[in-house]
Amino acid sequence: MTTEHGITRSMSRVDKCIDNAPMESFWSHYKDEAYYGQYFKTYQDLTSSVDWYIHFYNHQRYQTKLNSLTPVEYRHQAA
């Protein structure tokens, strides 16, 4: 399915499971905060929810580990 959309799946190296940690964490937060308890009538509804959450996660969701900033604010602070 990914190749149909021009996406190439890849992983860095064998036995480097730590590479997966950021994505596992993101999906865990998404499921807890935006997925569980929801009913999506269409695939489009689900993808819209994921798109909304990605924006929310990066622009509105304050994170303690980032000095109570959003990821975008934290990145701009370094610039």
PDB file of N, CA and C in Angstrom:
ATOM      1  N   MET A   1       0.813  -1.194   0.000  1.00  0.00           N
ATOM      2  CA  MET A   1       0.000   0.000   0.000  1.00  0.00           C
ATOM      3  C   MET A   1       0.860   1.263   0.000  1.00  0.00           C
ATOM      4  N   THR A   2       1.980   1.237   0.709  1.00  0.00           N
ATOM      5  CA  THR A   2       2.804   2.439   0.748  1.00  0.00           C
ATOM      6  C   THR A   2       3.399   2.766  -0.612  1.00  0.00           C
ATOM      7  N   THR A   3       3.783   1.748  -1.361  1.00  0.00           N
ATOM      8  CA  THR A   3       4.372   2.006  -2.676  1.00  0.00           C
ATOM      9  C   THR A   3       3.368   2.629  -3.636  1.00  0.00           C
ATOM     10  N   GLU A   4       2.091   2.321  -3.461  1.00  0.00           N
ATOM     11  CA  GLU A   4       1.054   2.919  -4.297  1.00  0.00           C
ATOM     12  C   GLU A   4       1.003   4.430  -4.122  1.00  0.00           C
ATOM     13  N   HIS A   5       1.422   4.914  -2.945  1.00  0.00           N
ATOM     14  CA  HIS A   5       1.392   6.343  -2.631  1.00  0.00           C
ATOM     15  C   HIS A   5       2.775   6.978  -2.726  1.00  0.00           C
ATOM     16  N   GLY A   6       3.742   6.251  -3.266  1.00  0.00           N
ATOM     17  CA  GLY A   6       5.075   6.803  -3.449  1.00  0.00           C
ATOM     18  C   GLY A   6       5.888   6.893  -2.176  1.00  0.00           C
ATOM     19  N   ILE A   7       5.554   6.066  -1.179  1.00  0.00           N
ATOM     20  CA  ILE A   7       6.256   6.082   0.100  1.00  0.00           C
ATOM     21  C   ILE A   7       7.170   4.866   0.175  1.00  0.00           C
ATOM     22  N   THR A   8       8.398   5.093   0.587  1.00  0.00           N
ATOM     23  CA  THR A   8       9.349   4.001   0.757  1.00  0.00           C
ATOM     24  C   THR A   8       9.510   3.706   2.237  1.00  0.00           C
ATOM     25  N   ARG A   9       9.263   2.473   2.613  1.00  0.00           N
ATOM     26  CA  ARG A   9       9.455   2.078   4.008  1.00  0.00           C
ATOM     27  C   ARG A   9      10.926   1.805   4.242  1.00  0.00           C
ATOM     28  N   SER A  10      11.425   2.241   5.387  1.00  0.00           N
ATOM     29  CA  SER A  10      12.823   1.959   5.694  1.00  0.00           C
ATOM     30  C   SER A  10      13.036   1.963   7.201  1.00  0.00           C
ATOM     31  N   MET A  11      14.074   1.303   7.591  1.00  0.00           N
ATOM     32  CA  MET A  11      14.523   1.308   8.983  1.00  0.00           C
ATOM     33  C   MET A  11      16.019   1.505   8.922  1.00  0.00           C
ATOM     34  N   SER A  12      16.579   2.024   9.990  1.00  0.00           N
ATOM     35  CA  SER A  12      18.002   2.329   9.934  1.00  0.00           C
ATOM     36  C   SER A  12      18.855   1.070   9.907  1.00  0.00           C
ATOM     37  N   ARG A  13      18.927   0.372  11.007  1.00  0.00           N
ATOM     38  CA  ARG A  13      19.761  -0.825  11.055  1.00  0.00           C
ATOM     39  C   ARG A  13      19.058  -1.905  11.862  1.00  0.00           C
ATOM     40  N   VAL A  14      19.409  -3.120  11.610  1.00  0.00           N
ATOM     41  CA  VAL A  14      18.863  -4.246  12.356  1.00  0.00           C
ATOM     42  C   VAL A  14      19.291  -4.125  13.812  1.00  0.00           C
ATOM     43  N   ASP A  15      18.407  -4.516  14.709  1.00  0.00           N
ATOM     44  CA  ASP A  15      18.671  -4.512  16.157  1.00  0.00           C
ATOM     45  C   ASP A  15      18.787  -3.122  16.754  1.00  0.00           C
ATOM     46  N   LYS A  16      18.232  -2.113  16.114  1.00  0.00           N
ATOM     47  CA  LYS A  16      18.252  -0.759  16.664  1.00  0.00           C
ATOM     48  C   LYS A  16      16.810  -0.332  16.966  1.00  0.00           C
ATOM     49  N   CYS A  17      16.187  -1.012  17.902  1.00  0.00           N
ATOM     50  CA  CYS A  17      14.777  -0.760  18.197  1.00  0.00           C
ATOM     51  C   CYS A  17      14.535   0.643  18.755  1.00  0.00           C
ATOM     52  N   ILE A  18      15.570   1.282  19.295  1.00  0.00           N
ATOM     53  CA  ILE A  18      15.402   2.621  19.844  1.00  0.00           C
ATOM     54  C   ILE A  18      14.957   3.610  18.763  1.00  0.00           C
ATOM     55  N   ASP A  19      15.259   3.308  17.496  1.00  0.00           N
ATOM     56  CA  ASP A  19      14.843   4.176  16.395  1.00  0.00           C
ATOM     57  C   ASP A  19      13.321   4.281  16.314  1.00  0.00           C
ATOM     58  N   ASN A  20      12.631   3.295  16.793  1.00  0.00           N
ATOM     59  CA  ASN A  20      11.179   3.244  16.721  1.00  0.00           C
ATOM     60  C   ASN A  20      10.505   4.017  17.858  1.00  0.00           C
ATOM     61  N   ALA A  21      11.232   4.317  18.908  1.00  0.00           N
ATOM     62  CA  ALA A  21      10.650   4.903  20.121  1.00  0.00           C
ATOM     63  C   ALA A  21       9.868   6.189  19.880  1.00  0.00           C
ATOM     64  N   PRO A  22      10.369   7.159  19.116  1.00  0.00           N
ATOM     65  CA  PRO A  22       9.585   8.392  18.933  1.00  0.00           C
ATOM     66  C   PRO A  22       8.230   8.149  18.261  1.00  0.00           C
ATOM     67  N   MET A  23       8.180   7.284  17.265  1.00  0.00           N
ATOM     68  CA  MET A  23       6.904   7.014  16.593  1.00  0.00           C
ATOM     69  C   MET A  23       5.962   6.209  17.487  1.00  0.00           C
ATOM     70  N   GLU A  24       6.514   5.254  18.221  1.00  0.00           N
ATOM     71  CA  GLU A  24       5.684   4.488  19.155  1.00  0.00           C
ATOM     72  C   GLU A  24       5.067   5.430  20.186  1.00  0.00           C
ATOM     73  N   SER A  25       5.846   6.371  20.664  1.00  0.00           N
ATOM     74  CA  SER A  25       5.353   7.338  21.646  1.00  0.00           C
ATOM     75  C   SER A  25       4.256   8.208  21.043  1.00  0.00           C
ATOM     76  N   PHE A  26       4.482   8.708  19.827  1.00  0.00           N
ATOM     77  CA  PHE A  26       3.478   9.543  19.173  1.00  0.00           C
ATOM     78  C   PHE A  26       2.154   8.806  19.027  1.00  0.00           C
ATOM     79  N   TRP A  27       2.197   7.571  18.489  1.00  0.00           N
ATOM     80  CA  TRP A  27       0.954   6.822  18.263  1.00  0.00           C
ATOM     81  C   TRP A  27       0.271   6.473  19.574  1.00  0.00           C
ATOM     82  N   SER A  28       1.044   6.241  20.606  1.00  0.00           N
ATOM     83  CA  SER A  28       0.463   5.979  21.921  1.00  0.00           C
ATOM     84  C   SER A  28      -0.312   7.201  22.412  1.00  0.00           C
ATOM     85  N   HIS A  29       0.290   8.383  22.272  1.00  0.00           N
ATOM     86  CA  HIS A  29      -0.400   9.617  22.665  1.00  0.00           C
ATOM     87  C   HIS A  29      -1.643   9.841  21.806  1.00  0.00           C
ATOM     88  N   TYR A  30      -1.514   9.616  20.502  1.00  0.00           N
ATOM     89  CA  TYR A  30      -2.675   9.800  19.614  1.00  0.00           C
ATOM     90  C   TYR A  30      -3.836   8.907  20.046  1.00  0.00           C
ATOM     91  N   LYS A  31      -3.537   7.640  20.280  1.00  0.00           N
ATOM     92  CA  LYS A  31      -4.609   6.714  20.656  1.00  0.00           C
ATOM     93  C   LYS A  31      -5.268   7.135  21.964  1.00  0.00           C
ATOM     94  N   ASP A  32      -4.471   7.532  22.951  1.00  0.00           N
ATOM     95  CA  ASP A  32      -5.028   7.943  24.240  1.00  0.00           C
ATOM     96  C   ASP A  32      -5.825   9.238  24.150  1.00  0.00           C
ATOM     97  N   GLU A  33      -5.354  10.183  23.345  1.00  0.00           N
ATOM     98  CA  GLU A  33      -5.929  11.522  23.346  1.00  0.00           C
ATOM     99  C   GLU A  33      -6.942  11.788  22.237  1.00  0.00           C
ATOM    100  N   ALA A  34      -6.936  10.990  21.171  1.00  0.00           N
ATOM    101  CA  ALA A  34      -7.823  11.325  20.049  1.00  0.00           C
ATOM    102  C   ALA A  34      -8.495  10.134  19.377  1.00  0.00           C
ATOM    103  N   TYR A  35      -8.092   8.919  19.688  1.00  0.00           N
ATOM    104  CA  TYR A  35      -8.620   7.759  18.970  1.00  0.00           C
ATOM    105  C   TYR A  35      -9.604   6.949  19.806  1.00  0.00           C
ATOM    106  N   TYR A  36      -9.166   6.538  20.998  1.00  0.00           N
ATOM    107  CA  TYR A  36     -10.036   5.698  21.829  1.00  0.00           C
ATOM    108  C   TYR A  36     -11.333   6.427  22.141  1.00  0.00           C
ATOM    109  N   GLY A  37     -12.428   5.718  22.023  1.00  0.00           N
ATOM    110  CA  GLY A  37     -13.738   6.291  22.297  1.00  0.00           C
ATOM    111  C   GLY A  37     -14.361   7.002  21.110  1.00  0.00           C
ATOM    112  N   GLN A  38     -13.646   7.057  19.995  1.00  0.00           N
ATOM    113  CA  GLN A  38     -14.164   7.705  18.789  1.00  0.00           C
ATOM    114  C   GLN A  38     -14.649   6.641  17.806  1.00  0.00           C
ATOM    115  N   TYR A  39     -15.596   7.028  16.993  1.00  0.00           N
ATOM    116  CA  TYR A  39     -16.066   6.152  15.921  1.00  0.00           C
ATOM    117  C   TYR A  39     -15.870   6.899  14.618  1.00  0.00           C
ATOM    118  N   PHE A  40     -15.104   6.320  13.713  1.00  0.00           N
ATOM    119  CA  PHE A  40     -14.827   6.949  12.431  1.00  0.00           C
ATOM    120  C   PHE A  40     -15.664   6.245  11.368  1.00  0.00           C
ATOM    121  N   LYS A  41     -16.564   6.983  10.753  1.00  0.00           N
ATOM    122  CA  LYS A  41     -17.460   6.399   9.757  1.00  0.00           C
ATOM    123  C   LYS A  41     -16.735   6.073   8.456  1.00  0.00           C
ATOM    124  N   THR A  42     -15.723   6.870   8.138  1.00  0.00           N
ATOM    125  CA  THR A  42     -15.004   6.668   6.882  1.00  0.00           C
ATOM    126  C   THR A  42     -13.503   6.712   7.128  1.00  0.00           C
ATOM    127  N   TYR A  43     -12.760   6.227   6.168  1.00  0.00           N
ATOM    128  CA  TYR A  43     -11.306   6.310   6.213  1.00  0.00           C
ATOM    129  C   TYR A  43     -10.879   7.776   6.231  1.00  0.00           C
ATOM    130  N   GLN A  44     -11.591   8.609   5.487  1.00  0.00           N
ATOM    131  CA  GLN A  44     -11.302  10.046   5.461  1.00  0.00           C
ATOM    132  C   GLN A  44     -11.457  10.666   6.843  1.00  0.00           C
ATOM    133  N   ASP A  45     -12.463  10.249   7.607  1.00  0.00           N
ATOM    134  CA  ASP A  45     -12.634  10.746   8.970  1.00  0.00           C
ATOM    135  C   ASP A  45     -11.421  10.393   9.826  1.00  0.00           C
ATOM    136  N   LEU A  46     -10.933   9.173   9.677  1.00  0.00           N
ATOM    137  CA  LEU A  46      -9.756   8.746  10.429  1.00  0.00           C
ATOM    138  C   LEU A  46      -8.522   9.543  10.025  1.00  0.00           C
ATOM    139  N   THR A  47      -8.288   9.695   8.724  1.00  0.00           N
ATOM    140  CA  THR A  47      -7.103  10.435   8.294  1.00  0.00           C
ATOM    141  C   THR A  47      -7.191  11.909   8.692  1.00  0.00           C
ATOM    142  N   SER A  48      -8.386  12.464   8.689  1.00  0.00           N
ATOM    143  CA  SER A  48      -8.561  13.846   9.147  1.00  0.00           C
ATOM    144  C   SER A  48      -8.224  13.966  10.628  1.00  0.00           C
ATOM    145  N   SER A  49      -8.603  12.967  11.407  1.00  0.00           N
ATOM    146  CA  SER A  49      -8.282  12.954  12.830  1.00  0.00           C
ATOM    147  C   SER A  49      -6.776  12.902  13.050  1.00  0.00           C
ATOM    148  N   VAL A  50      -6.095  12.067  12.277  1.00  0.00           N
ATOM    149  CA  VAL A  50      -4.633  11.967  12.399  1.00  0.00           C
ATOM    150  C   VAL A  50      -3.987  13.287  11.984  1.00  0.00           C
ATOM    151  N   ASP A  51      -4.446  13.880  10.879  1.00  0.00           N
ATOM    152  CA  ASP A  51      -3.908  15.177  10.436  1.00  0.00           C
ATOM    153  C   ASP A  51      -4.109  16.242  11.515  1.00  0.00           C
ATOM    154  N   TRP A  52      -5.314  16.294  12.077  1.00  0.00           N
ATOM    155  CA  TRP A  52      -5.600  17.263  13.137  1.00  0.00           C
ATOM    156  C   TRP A  52      -4.659  17.046  14.314  1.00  0.00           C
ATOM    157  N   TYR A  53      -4.472  15.788  14.719  1.00  0.00           N
ATOM    158  CA  TYR A  53      -3.648  15.505  15.892  1.00  0.00           C
ATOM    159  C   TYR A  53      -2.180  15.849  15.650  1.00  0.00           C
ATOM    160  N   ILE A  54      -1.678  15.604  14.449  1.00  0.00           N
ATOM    161  CA  ILE A  54      -0.293  15.970  14.144  1.00  0.00           C
ATOM    162  C   ILE A  54      -0.107  17.476  14.318  1.00  0.00           C
ATOM    163  N   HIS A  55      -1.055  18.257  13.820  1.00  0.00           N
ATOM    164  CA  HIS A  55      -0.974  19.711  14.001  1.00  0.00           C
ATOM    165  C   HIS A  55      -1.076  20.069  15.483  1.00  0.00           C
ATOM    166  N   PHE A  56      -2.043  19.492  16.163  1.00  0.00           N
ATOM    167  CA  PHE A  56      -2.212  19.750  17.602  1.00  0.00           C
ATOM    168  C   PHE A  56      -0.945  19.392  18.367  1.00  0.00           C
ATOM    169  N   TYR A  57      -0.388  18.224  18.093  1.00  0.00           N
ATOM    170  CA  TYR A  57       0.794  17.735  18.803  1.00  0.00           C
ATOM    171  C   TYR A  57       1.975  18.689  18.621  1.00  0.00           C
ATOM    172  N   ASN A  58       2.145  19.215  17.432  1.00  0.00           N
ATOM    173  CA  ASN A  58       3.301  20.070  17.147  1.00  0.00           C
ATOM    174  C   ASN A  58       3.102  21.539  17.492  1.00  0.00           C
ATOM    175  N   HIS A  59       1.865  22.032  17.457  1.00  0.00           N
ATOM    176  CA  HIS A  59       1.624  23.462  17.619  1.00  0.00           C
ATOM    177  C   HIS A  59       0.876  23.852  18.886  1.00  0.00           C
ATOM    178  N   GLN A  60       0.178  22.926  19.532  1.00  0.00           N
ATOM    179  CA  GLN A  60      -0.654  23.304  20.670  1.00  0.00           C
ATOM    180  C   GLN A  60      -0.415  22.474  21.926  1.00  0.00           C
ATOM    181  N   ARG A  61       0.163  21.335  21.816  1.00  0.00           N
ATOM    182  CA  ARG A  61       0.325  20.409  22.952  1.00  0.00           C
ATOM    183  C   ARG A  61       1.623  20.722  23.684  1.00  0.00           C
ATOM    184  N   TYR A  62       1.509  21.398  24.824  1.00  0.00           N
ATOM    185  CA  TYR A  62       2.675  21.745  25.619  1.00  0.00           C
ATOM    186  C   TYR A  62       3.254  20.496  26.267  1.00  0.00           C
ATOM    187  N   GLN A  63       4.576  20.412  26.285  1.00  0.00           N
ATOM    188  CA  GLN A  63       5.242  19.223  26.802  1.00  0.00           C
ATOM    189  C   GLN A  63       6.245  19.595  27.880  1.00  0.00           C
ATOM    190  N   THR A  64       6.113  18.958  29.012  1.00  0.00           N
ATOM    191  CA  THR A  64       6.981  19.223  30.151  1.00  0.00           C
ATOM    192  C   THR A  64       8.444  19.022  29.790  1.00  0.00           C
ATOM    193  N   LYS A  65       8.745  17.963  29.055  1.00  0.00           N
ATOM    194  CA  LYS A  65      10.142  17.669  28.722  1.00  0.00           C
ATOM    195  C   LYS A  65      10.751  18.712  27.781  1.00  0.00           C
ATOM    196  N   LEU A  66       9.919  19.566  27.205  1.00  0.00           N
ATOM    197  CA  LEU A  66      10.404  20.643  26.341  1.00  0.00           C
ATOM    198  C   LEU A  66      10.249  21.996  27.043  1.00  0.00           C
ATOM    199  N   ASN A  67      10.403  22.005  28.353  1.00  0.00           N
ATOM    200  CA  ASN A  67      10.280  23.231  29.163  1.00  0.00           C
ATOM    201  C   ASN A  67       8.908  23.877  29.010  1.00  0.00           C
ATOM    202  N   SER A  68       7.886  23.055  28.954  1.00  0.00           N
ATOM    203  CA  SER A  68       6.495  23.496  28.828  1.00  0.00           C
ATOM    204  C   SER A  68       6.242  24.313  27.560  1.00  0.00           C
ATOM    205  N   LEU A  69       6.923  23.939  26.484  1.00  0.00           N
ATOM    206  CA  LEU A  69       6.708  24.542  25.176  1.00  0.00           C
ATOM    207  C   LEU A  69       6.140  23.486  24.239  1.00  0.00           C
ATOM    208  N   THR A  70       5.570  23.927  23.130  1.00  0.00           N
ATOM    209  CA  THR A  70       5.181  22.972  22.096  1.00  0.00           C
ATOM    210  C   THR A  70       6.440  22.604  21.314  1.00  0.00           C
ATOM    211  N   PRO A  71       6.423  21.502  20.569  1.00  0.00           N
ATOM    212  CA  PRO A  71       7.608  21.161  19.784  1.00  0.00           C
ATOM    213  C   PRO A  71       8.042  22.273  18.818  1.00  0.00           C
ATOM    214  N   VAL A  72       7.088  22.947  18.186  1.00  0.00           N
ATOM    215  CA  VAL A  72       7.435  24.026  17.257  1.00  0.00           C
ATOM    216  C   VAL A  72       8.078  25.189  18.019  1.00  0.00           C
ATOM    217  N   GLU A  73       7.515  25.569  19.154  1.00  0.00           N
ATOM    218  CA  GLU A  73       8.110  26.639  19.951  1.00  0.00           C
ATOM    219  C   GLU A  73       9.519  26.275  20.399  1.00  0.00           C
ATOM    220  N   TYR A  74       9.690  25.038  20.788  1.00  0.00           N
ATOM    221  CA  TYR A  74      11.002  24.570  21.251  1.00  0.00           C
ATOM    222  C   TYR A  74      12.035  24.644  20.131  1.00  0.00           C
ATOM    223  N   ARG A  75      11.652  24.223  18.921  1.00  0.00           N
ATOM    224  CA  ARG A  75      12.570  24.274  17.784  1.00  0.00           C
ATOM    225  C   ARG A  75      12.900  25.706  17.400  1.00  0.00           C
ATOM    226  N   HIS A  76      11.928  26.616  17.444  1.00  0.00           N
ATOM    227  CA  HIS A  76      12.174  28.008  17.102  1.00  0.00           C
ATOM    228  C   HIS A  76      13.063  28.693  18.128  1.00  0.00           C
ATOM    229  N   GLN A  77      13.004  28.215  19.341  1.00  0.00           N
ATOM    230  CA  GLN A  77      13.831  28.783  20.419  1.00  0.00           C
ATOM    231  C   GLN A  77      15.319  28.552  20.113  1.00  0.00           C
ATOM    232  N   ALA A  78      15.627  27.441  19.495  1.00  0.00           N
ATOM    233  CA  ALA A  78      17.032  27.106  19.186  1.00  0.00           C
ATOM    234  C   ALA A  78      17.551  27.912  18.004  1.00  0.00           C
ATOM    235  N   ALA A  79      16.672  28.482  17.212  1.00  0.00           N
ATOM    236  CA  ALA A  79      17.106  29.200  16.002  1.00  0.00           C
ATOM    237  C   ALA A  79      17.679  30.554  16.306  1.00  0.00           C
TER     238      ALA A  79
END
